[in-house]
Protein backbone atom coordinates (compact mmCIF):
# COMPACT_ATOMS: atom_id res chain seq x y z
CA MET A 1 -61.44 125.03 -157.20
CA THR A 2 -63.71 126.04 -160.07
CA THR A 3 -65.52 128.83 -158.20
CA LYS A 4 -63.44 132.00 -158.08
CA LEU A 5 -63.69 134.53 -155.27
CA GLY A 6 -63.09 138.21 -154.85
CA PHE A 7 -60.41 138.85 -152.24
CA HIS A 8 -59.36 141.80 -150.10
CA LEU A 9 -56.84 141.81 -147.28
CA LEU A 10 -57.86 143.82 -144.20
CA ARG A 11 -55.57 145.15 -141.48
CA ILE A 12 -57.59 145.29 -138.26
CA GLY A 13 -55.18 146.74 -135.73
CA HIS A 14 -51.75 145.51 -134.72
CA CYS A 15 -49.73 144.51 -131.70
CA SER A 16 -46.06 145.08 -130.92
CA HIS A 17 -43.40 142.83 -129.45
CA PRO A 18 -39.73 141.96 -130.05
CA GLU A 19 -39.01 140.44 -133.46
CA CYS A 20 -36.46 138.08 -131.89
CA VAL A 21 -39.32 136.18 -130.25
CA THR A 22 -40.96 135.31 -133.57
CA GLN A 23 -37.82 134.42 -135.49
CA ARG A 24 -34.34 133.38 -134.53
CA GLY A 25 -31.84 136.17 -135.08
CA GLY A 26 -34.55 138.82 -135.19
CA ARG A 27 -34.23 142.32 -133.77
CA LEU A 28 -34.42 142.93 -130.03
CA GLY A 29 -36.65 145.97 -130.45
CA SER A 30 -40.42 145.82 -130.73
CA VAL A 31 -41.89 145.77 -134.24
CA PRO A 32 -45.52 145.92 -135.43
CA PHE A 33 -47.37 142.69 -136.15
CA PRO A 34 -50.53 143.50 -138.13
CA ALA A 35 -53.71 141.58 -137.40
CA LEU A 36 -54.74 140.62 -140.93
CA ALA A 37 -58.11 139.25 -141.96
CA GLY A 38 -59.31 138.06 -145.36
CA LEU A 39 -62.49 139.34 -146.97
CA LEU A 40 -63.71 136.79 -149.51
CA LEU A 41 -66.52 137.55 -151.97
CA HIS A 42 -68.35 134.41 -153.07
CA PRO A 43 -70.74 134.61 -156.06
CA HIS A 44 -73.38 132.60 -154.17
CA PHE A 45 -72.64 132.89 -150.43
CA GLY A 46 -71.72 136.55 -150.52
CA PRO A 47 -69.05 138.21 -148.35
CA MET A 48 -67.14 135.93 -145.97
CA LEU A 49 -64.27 136.45 -143.55
CA PHE A 50 -61.13 134.61 -142.58
CA ASP A 51 -60.62 135.78 -138.97
CA THR A 52 -61.63 139.20 -137.67
CA GLY A 53 -58.54 140.81 -136.14
CA TYR A 54 -58.92 143.04 -133.10
CA ASP A 55 -62.06 144.77 -131.83
CA ASP A 56 -63.11 146.95 -128.91
CA ALA A 57 -64.24 143.70 -127.30
CA PHE A 58 -60.57 142.79 -126.88
CA PHE A 59 -59.95 145.84 -124.70
CA ALA A 60 -63.02 145.06 -122.60
CA ALA A 61 -61.95 141.43 -122.18
CA THR A 62 -58.44 142.45 -121.08
CA GLN A 63 -59.57 145.14 -118.65
CA PRO A 64 -59.64 142.92 -115.53
CA PHE A 65 -56.65 141.19 -113.99
CA PRO A 66 -55.12 138.73 -114.89
CA GLU A 67 -56.38 139.19 -118.49
CA ARG A 68 -54.83 142.67 -118.50
CA LEU A 69 -51.43 140.95 -118.70
CA TYR A 70 -52.29 139.95 -122.29
CA ARG A 71 -52.21 143.53 -123.59
CA LEU A 72 -49.33 144.53 -121.32
CA VAL A 73 -47.12 141.84 -122.86
CA THR A 74 -48.28 142.57 -126.43
CA PRO A 75 -49.51 146.20 -126.61
CA VAL A 76 -52.35 146.58 -129.10
CA SER A 77 -53.33 149.50 -131.32
CA LEU A 78 -56.69 149.76 -133.09
CA THR A 79 -57.59 153.09 -134.67
CA SER A 80 -61.13 154.07 -135.60
CA SER A 81 -60.32 153.71 -139.31
CA GLU A 82 -59.02 150.15 -138.81
CA THR A 83 -62.12 148.64 -137.21
CA LEU A 84 -63.86 145.79 -138.99
CA HIS A 85 -67.14 147.60 -139.60
CA VAL A 86 -65.37 150.63 -141.11
CA GLN A 87 -63.27 148.49 -143.43
CA LEU A 88 -66.23 146.40 -144.54
CA ALA A 89 -68.19 149.59 -145.22
CA ARG A 90 -65.48 150.69 -147.65
CA HIS A 91 -66.46 147.67 -149.74
CA GLY A 92 -70.18 148.34 -149.37
CA ILE A 93 -70.63 145.54 -146.82
CA ALA A 94 -72.36 145.69 -143.43
CA LEU A 95 -71.52 143.51 -140.43
CA GLN A 96 -74.86 141.70 -140.77
CA ASP A 97 -74.03 140.77 -144.38
CA ILE A 98 -71.30 138.36 -143.24
CA ARG A 99 -72.74 134.83 -143.03
CA HIS A 100 -69.59 132.70 -143.02
CA VAL A 101 -66.45 133.21 -140.91
CA PHE A 102 -63.52 130.82 -141.14
CA LEU A 103 -61.61 130.95 -137.85
CA SER A 104 -57.98 129.97 -138.18
CA HIS A 105 -57.79 129.45 -134.40
CA LEU A 106 -59.31 130.98 -131.32
CA HIS A 107 -56.58 133.33 -130.14
CA ALA A 108 -57.95 136.73 -129.22
CA ASP A 109 -56.28 138.62 -132.07
CA HIS A 110 -58.08 136.39 -134.57
CA ILE A 111 -61.60 136.28 -133.11
CA ALA A 112 -62.13 139.52 -131.18
CA GLY A 113 -64.70 140.78 -133.71
CA ILE A 114 -66.96 137.73 -134.00
CA GLY A 115 -69.43 139.17 -131.51
CA GLU A 116 -70.12 141.95 -134.05
CA LEU A 117 -71.36 139.48 -136.68
CA PRO A 118 -74.95 138.54 -135.77
CA ASN A 119 -75.72 136.39 -138.80
CA ALA A 120 -72.43 134.55 -139.27
CA ARG A 121 -71.83 130.83 -139.13
CA PHE A 122 -68.40 129.99 -137.69
CA PHE A 123 -66.03 127.33 -138.99
CA ALA A 124 -63.23 126.04 -136.75
CA MET A 125 -61.40 122.79 -136.09
CA ARG A 126 -62.91 120.58 -133.38
CA ASP A 127 -59.59 120.21 -131.51
CA GLU A 128 -59.27 123.99 -131.34
CA VAL A 129 -62.73 124.49 -129.86
CA ASP A 130 -62.20 121.65 -127.40
CA ALA A 131 -58.86 123.11 -126.28
CA MET A 132 -60.45 126.46 -125.51
CA ARG A 133 -63.32 124.80 -123.63
CA ARG A 134 -60.95 122.70 -121.50
CA ALA A 135 -58.64 125.57 -120.57
CA SER A 136 -58.94 127.23 -117.19
CA ARG A 137 -59.02 131.00 -116.94
CA ILE A 138 -55.28 131.19 -116.25
CA GLY A 139 -54.39 128.33 -118.58
CA GLY A 140 -56.44 129.85 -121.38
CA LEU A 141 -54.80 133.23 -120.88
CA ARG A 142 -51.36 131.63 -121.11
CA ARG A 143 -52.41 130.08 -124.43
CA GLY A 144 -53.90 133.30 -125.84
CA TYR A 145 -57.56 132.35 -125.32
CA LEU A 146 -60.13 134.80 -123.95
CA ARG A 147 -63.35 132.84 -123.64
CA THR A 148 -65.44 135.95 -123.00
CA LEU A 149 -64.92 136.92 -126.66
CA LEU A 150 -67.17 134.07 -127.79
CA PRO A 151 -70.82 135.10 -128.22
CA GLU A 152 -73.38 133.08 -126.25
CA SER A 153 -74.66 131.63 -129.53
CA PHE A 154 -71.21 130.40 -130.62
CA ASP A 155 -71.88 126.67 -130.16
CA ALA A 156 -75.20 126.87 -132.01
CA ARG A 157 -73.53 128.67 -134.91
CA LEU A 158 -70.42 126.47 -135.10
CA THR A 159 -69.52 124.07 -137.90
CA CYS A 160 -66.48 121.92 -137.16
CA ALA A 161 -64.28 122.12 -140.24
CA ASP A 162 -63.23 118.49 -139.85
CA ASP A 163 -66.89 117.44 -140.21
CA CYS A 164 -66.88 118.82 -143.76
CA GLY A 165 -66.02 116.60 -146.72
CA ARG A 166 -62.37 115.57 -146.84
CA VAL A 167 -60.52 116.23 -150.11
CA THR A 168 -57.12 115.22 -151.42
CA LEU A 169 -54.86 118.13 -152.31
CA PRO A 170 -52.98 118.24 -155.62
CA PRO A 171 -49.24 117.40 -155.69
CA ALA A 172 -48.41 121.12 -155.97
CA MET A 173 -49.62 121.52 -152.35
CA HIS A 174 -47.59 118.67 -150.88
CA PRO A 175 -46.45 118.07 -148.15
CA PHE A 176 -49.96 119.31 -147.22
CA ARG A 177 -51.96 116.37 -148.50
CA TYR A 178 -55.59 116.83 -147.49
CA GLY A 179 -58.14 119.45 -146.58
CA PHE A 180 -61.86 119.98 -145.99
CA ASP A 181 -64.43 121.31 -148.45
CA LEU A 182 -65.86 123.95 -146.13
CA LEU A 183 -68.75 125.17 -148.31
CA GLY A 184 -69.44 122.00 -150.29
CA ASP A 185 -68.55 123.53 -153.66
CA ALA A 186 -64.74 123.19 -153.50
CA SER A 187 -64.34 126.98 -153.46
CA VAL A 188 -62.77 127.18 -149.99
CA ILE A 189 -60.57 124.33 -148.79
CA GLY A 190 -59.64 124.26 -145.12
CA ILE A 191 -56.15 122.86 -144.47
CA PRO A 192 -54.97 121.76 -141.01
CA LEU A 193 -51.86 123.64 -139.85
CA PRO A 194 -51.08 122.02 -136.49
CA GLY A 195 -48.56 123.08 -133.89
CA HIS A 196 -49.21 126.70 -133.05
CA THR A 197 -52.49 125.61 -131.47
CA PRO A 198 -54.16 122.18 -131.35
CA GLY A 199 -56.44 122.92 -134.30
CA GLN A 200 -55.13 125.76 -136.44
CA LEU A 201 -56.77 126.00 -139.87
CA GLY A 202 -55.63 127.66 -143.09
CA ILE A 203 -57.74 128.13 -146.19
CA LEU A 204 -56.97 127.71 -149.88
CA PHE A 205 -58.97 129.38 -152.64
CA GLN A 206 -58.69 130.91 -156.10
CA THR A 207 -59.39 134.55 -156.79
CA SER A 208 -61.25 136.10 -159.69
CA GLY A 209 -57.82 137.21 -160.93
CA ASP A 210 -56.71 133.55 -161.19
CA GLN A 211 -54.48 133.87 -158.13
CA THR A 212 -54.27 130.84 -155.83
CA VAL A 213 -54.15 132.07 -152.23
CA PHE A 214 -53.20 130.16 -149.09
CA LEU A 215 -54.04 132.02 -145.87
CA VAL A 216 -51.85 130.36 -143.22
CA ALA A 217 -52.62 132.33 -140.03
CA ASP A 218 -49.82 131.84 -137.47
CA ALA A 219 -48.14 128.88 -139.12
CA CYS A 220 -45.39 131.48 -139.55
CA TRP A 221 -45.13 135.14 -138.62
CA SER A 222 -42.97 136.18 -141.55
CA LEU A 223 -42.40 134.79 -145.04
CA GLU A 224 -38.79 135.96 -144.89
CA ALA A 225 -38.30 133.88 -141.76
CA VAL A 226 -39.62 130.85 -143.67
CA ARG A 227 -37.37 131.51 -146.66
CA GLN A 228 -34.34 131.86 -144.39
CA ASP A 229 -35.39 128.89 -142.25
CA LYS A 230 -35.57 130.94 -139.06
CA PRO A 231 -38.40 129.52 -136.95
CA PRO A 232 -39.53 131.23 -133.75
CA SER A 233 -37.33 131.34 -130.67
CA TRP A 234 -37.67 129.02 -127.69
CA ILE A 235 -39.72 131.70 -125.94
CA ALA A 236 -42.52 131.51 -128.50
CA ALA A 237 -42.13 127.76 -128.88
CA ARG A 238 -42.96 127.28 -125.20
CA LEU A 239 -46.42 128.65 -125.94
CA PHE A 240 -47.09 126.28 -128.83
CA SER A 241 -49.38 123.33 -128.31
CA ASP A 242 -46.92 121.03 -130.14
CA LYS A 243 -43.46 122.32 -131.07
CA ARG A 244 -42.64 119.34 -133.29
CA ALA A 245 -45.88 119.71 -135.24
CA TYR A 246 -45.26 123.46 -135.59
CA LEU A 247 -41.79 122.90 -137.05
CA ALA A 248 -43.22 120.33 -139.49
CA THR A 249 -45.86 122.83 -140.63
CA PHE A 250 -43.21 125.57 -140.89
CA ALA A 251 -41.01 123.25 -142.99
CA GLY A 252 -43.97 122.45 -145.22
CA LEU A 253 -44.46 126.14 -145.96
CA ARG A 254 -40.77 126.39 -146.83
CA VAL A 255 -41.21 123.60 -149.38
CA LEU A 256 -44.17 125.42 -150.96
CA LEU A 257 -42.30 128.74 -151.11
CA GLY A 258 -39.34 127.08 -152.77
CA ARG A 259 -41.19 125.43 -155.60
CA ASN A 260 -44.58 127.08 -156.18
CA ASP A 261 -44.35 130.56 -157.70
CA GLY A 262 -48.06 130.49 -158.55
CA LEU A 263 -49.13 130.31 -154.91
CA THR A 264 -49.64 133.39 -152.73
CA ILE A 265 -49.01 132.51 -149.09
CA VAL A 266 -50.36 135.01 -146.56
CA PRO A 267 -49.41 134.83 -142.86
CA SER A 268 -51.68 136.77 -140.51
CA HIS A 269 -48.97 138.96 -138.98
CA CYS A 270 -46.37 139.59 -141.70
CA GLU A 271 -45.84 143.34 -142.18
CA LEU A 272 -43.97 142.92 -145.49
CA THR A 273 -46.72 140.70 -146.90
CA TRP A 274 -49.31 143.28 -145.88
CA ARG A 275 -47.42 146.10 -147.60
CA ARG A 276 -46.98 144.11 -150.81
CA LEU A 277 -50.51 142.72 -151.08
CA SER A 278 -52.26 145.92 -150.00
CA ARG A 279 -50.72 147.52 -153.11
CA GLU A 280 -51.37 144.58 -155.44
CA LEU A 281 -54.99 144.06 -154.35
CA ARG A 282 -56.11 147.68 -154.81
C-alpha cells in the first residue's frame, strides 16, 4: 500500500440492545452500539466511504409492519448533528462529492445512507448482494436486510469486490491470506470476513500518518471481547449466515490483536474504539 489516505471515523447514530447478546458474559442491560463509518480521503479519487451508518431512510423503511419490528428490537437514535451530510460538511465535503462507497455488508445500519449519494459507485461482495436478492421480505428482515434502502440504480452502480484483482496479503496479516485491490492502485484492499453474513467485507489501508487500519465491520462487536475470547452468545449466532465461519474470522482477529501492535483494528459498533479513535484522529 504505497498510496496513503486521510482517515476520519464518523459516528452516524447508534442502536441499543443487551451487551450479553454480543459477547458471552456481557451485561444484561442495554448498551449503545455506535454505527461507525469510515471517511477516506484519496489523493486521486477524492473522498470515499466505508459504510454509511443510519439515515432517515431507515426510519421510513421500518415504519410499516413487519419491518417496524427491526427498530423495536434494536431501538435507534440519530440526532441532527450525527447525520451523514452534516458530518461530511464538517470536513468540507458534500454528499455528491462521494464517488466510491465500500459496503461491508448490506445490513440496514451499514447502508441506510446510500440513497443520499447520487454519484457514488458501490463495492460489495457478490455473495452478499445475492443473499439480499434471494431473501423474502420476512427472511430478509430476520437477517437484517431492508431491500427498500437500495436505490433503483444500485445494480448499475455496483462493482463486485471479488471481481477486482486478487492480492496476497503479507505474513503480518495472516491468517487472513488474500484480498482484492478495490481501486486498482493497492491503496484499499478488501478482505473477506465471512460468517456474520454470506459476504462481509473489511478494508485495509494506510493513513497519511503511517497508520495501518483494518476496518472489520461486524466481524466482532468489541475489541475487548476479542481479546478476552468472548464471542457472541447463541442468540446472536442464530442470526449468522455461518457460525463456524464467524468463529474462524473472530479467531483470526484475535491472532492479529495478539501479535500486531502496528495494526489498528476498527469494528463498526465498538463504543470503546470510537472513544479512543475519535480523540486520536482529531
